[in-house]
Every structure is written in C-alpha cells, then in structure tokens.
C-alpha cells in the first residue's frame, strides 16, 4: 500500500530538518522496517515549508502500531521544536488522496 501525507515545518527549519533526517537513528530505521515501512521519501516545498511524505507499507494495522513505539515517541519529541505538532508531539500530518499512479 502506498501512503502520501503532508506536514509543515516552522519557518527557517528546513536545513535542521534535513540534517536530523540525514542522521536518522538506526533504531528508528529498524522500527520503520519492522512495522512494514519501505521506500520512504519526504519532499519539501521551500516556498510553503510544507513537507510531502511518501511511504509504502505492507500492512496498515501493523504500520499504525509504529506510532506507539518508544523510539517513535522519542523521535516525535526530538522533532517537535522544528515543526507543527499535536499536543502529544506527533507531527500534524494530513493524509493525501491518491489521484494517479503509474508503475
């Protein structure tokens, strides 16, 4: 299953966001893969600070469980100072409606 979503950075935080992801913790990579996530990309619209994410997941139920892992919660806390978040520090994320795909 392919998932698209968007999130938003605070102004001036694009370089820091990229830096943190370039140093993504090995435990976070392992958790993503263990929960069926792969082929994961995030793109930035520099004019709006909107991030567009794309991930392929094996099982939506398994993927949903990744949110409650300790390493994911730690990542959310680590990222909360540079992007829009919910009260639990999860990123404000809006799923995007798929409208076209070509293999």
Protein backbone atom coordinates (compact mmCIF):
# COMPACT_ATOMS: atom_id res chain seq x y z
CA UNK A 1 0.00 0.00 0.00
CA UNK A 2 1.26 3.48 -0.89
CA UNK A 3 0.67 6.40 1.51
CA UNK A 4 1.07 10.10 0.84
CA UNK A 5 0.85 12.75 3.54
CA UNK A 6 1.85 16.30 4.33
CA UNK A 7 3.32 18.04 7.36
CA UNK A 8 4.64 21.55 7.97
CA UNK A 9 7.93 22.96 9.20
CA UNK A 10 8.33 26.15 11.16
CA UNK A 11 9.97 28.96 9.15
CA UNK A 12 13.73 28.66 8.89
CA UNK A 13 13.84 25.00 9.96
CA UNK A 14 14.38 23.28 6.59
CA UNK A 15 18.14 22.81 7.00
CA UNK A 16 17.75 21.47 10.52
CA UNK A 17 15.01 19.07 9.44
CA UNK A 18 17.21 17.71 6.66
CA UNK A 19 20.23 17.48 8.99
CA UNK A 20 18.29 15.46 11.56
CA UNK A 21 16.98 13.08 8.91
CA UNK A 22 20.43 12.63 7.41
CA UNK A 23 21.45 11.42 10.90
CA UNK A 24 18.33 9.27 11.39
CA UNK A 25 18.86 6.99 14.36
CA UNK A 26 19.48 3.32 13.47
CA UNK A 27 16.74 2.31 15.93
CA UNK A 28 14.26 4.49 14.06
CA UNK A 29 15.21 2.90 10.72
CA UNK A 30 14.82 -0.55 12.27
CA UNK A 31 11.39 0.34 13.70
CA UNK A 32 10.15 1.63 10.33
CA UNK A 33 11.23 -1.57 8.61
CA UNK A 34 9.93 -3.80 11.43
CA UNK A 35 6.50 -2.20 11.02
CA UNK A 36 6.43 -2.80 7.26
CA UNK A 37 7.56 0.61 6.01
CA UNK A 38 9.85 0.90 3.00
CA UNK A 39 10.60 3.12 0.02
CA UNK A 40 10.10 6.16 2.30
CA UNK A 41 10.72 9.67 0.93
CA UNK A 42 9.97 13.16 2.20
CA UNK A 43 9.99 16.24 -0.05
CA UNK A 44 9.97 19.92 0.92
CA UNK A 45 8.14 22.74 -0.83
CA UNK A 46 10.55 25.55 0.04
CA UNK A 47 8.00 28.28 -0.71
CA UNK A 48 5.46 27.00 1.85
CA UNK A 49 7.55 24.88 4.28
CA UNK A 50 5.15 22.01 3.56
CA UNK A 51 6.68 18.54 3.66
CA UNK A 52 5.24 15.85 1.41
CA UNK A 53 5.85 12.29 2.51
CA UNK A 54 5.55 9.05 0.58
CA UNK A 55 5.88 5.59 2.10
CA UNK A 56 4.98 2.09 1.06
CA UNK A 57 3.62 -0.09 3.86
CA UNK A 58 2.91 -3.79 3.99
CA UNK A 59 0.00 -3.72 6.44
CA UNK A 60 -1.92 -0.61 7.60
CA UNK A 61 -2.68 -2.15 11.02
CA UNK A 62 0.97 -3.02 11.66
CA UNK A 63 2.06 0.42 10.48
CA UNK A 64 -0.45 2.12 12.81
CA UNK A 65 1.21 0.34 15.76
CA UNK A 66 4.52 2.07 14.98
CA UNK A 67 3.16 5.31 16.44
CA UNK A 68 3.13 3.81 19.93
CA UNK A 69 6.70 2.52 19.96
CA UNK A 70 9.08 4.17 22.44
CA UNK A 71 11.57 5.07 19.68
CA UNK A 72 8.86 6.76 17.61
CA UNK A 73 7.68 8.77 20.63
CA UNK A 74 11.29 9.80 21.29
CA UNK A 75 11.64 10.90 17.63
CA UNK A 76 8.46 12.96 17.84
CA UNK A 77 9.78 14.71 20.96
CA UNK A 78 13.10 15.34 19.19
CA UNK A 79 11.39 16.90 16.16
CA UNK A 80 8.69 18.92 17.97
CA UNK A 81 10.73 22.12 18.15
CA UNK A 82 11.02 22.50 14.36
CA UNK A 83 7.59 21.52 13.01
CA UNK A 84 3.87 21.78 13.68
CA UNK A 85 2.81 19.14 16.21
CA UNK A 86 -0.19 17.88 18.09
CA UNK A 87 -0.34 18.02 21.93
CA UNK A 88 1.39 14.60 22.14
CA UNK A 89 4.25 15.91 19.92
CA UNK A 90 3.15 13.80 16.95
CA UNK A 91 3.53 15.81 13.75
CA UNK A 92 0.40 17.40 12.39
CA UNK A 93 0.01 15.11 9.39
CA UNK A 94 -2.70 15.11 6.76
CA UNK A 95 -3.15 12.09 4.51
CA UNK A 96 -3.22 12.93 0.82
CA UNK A 97 -5.77 11.47 -1.58
CA UNK A 98 -4.15 9.40 -4.33
CA UNK A 99 -5.24 10.61 -7.76
CA UNK A 100 -2.74 8.98 -10.14
CA UNK A 101 -0.15 6.19 -10.17
CA UNK A 102 1.92 4.64 -12.94
CA UNK A 103 4.29 1.69 -12.49
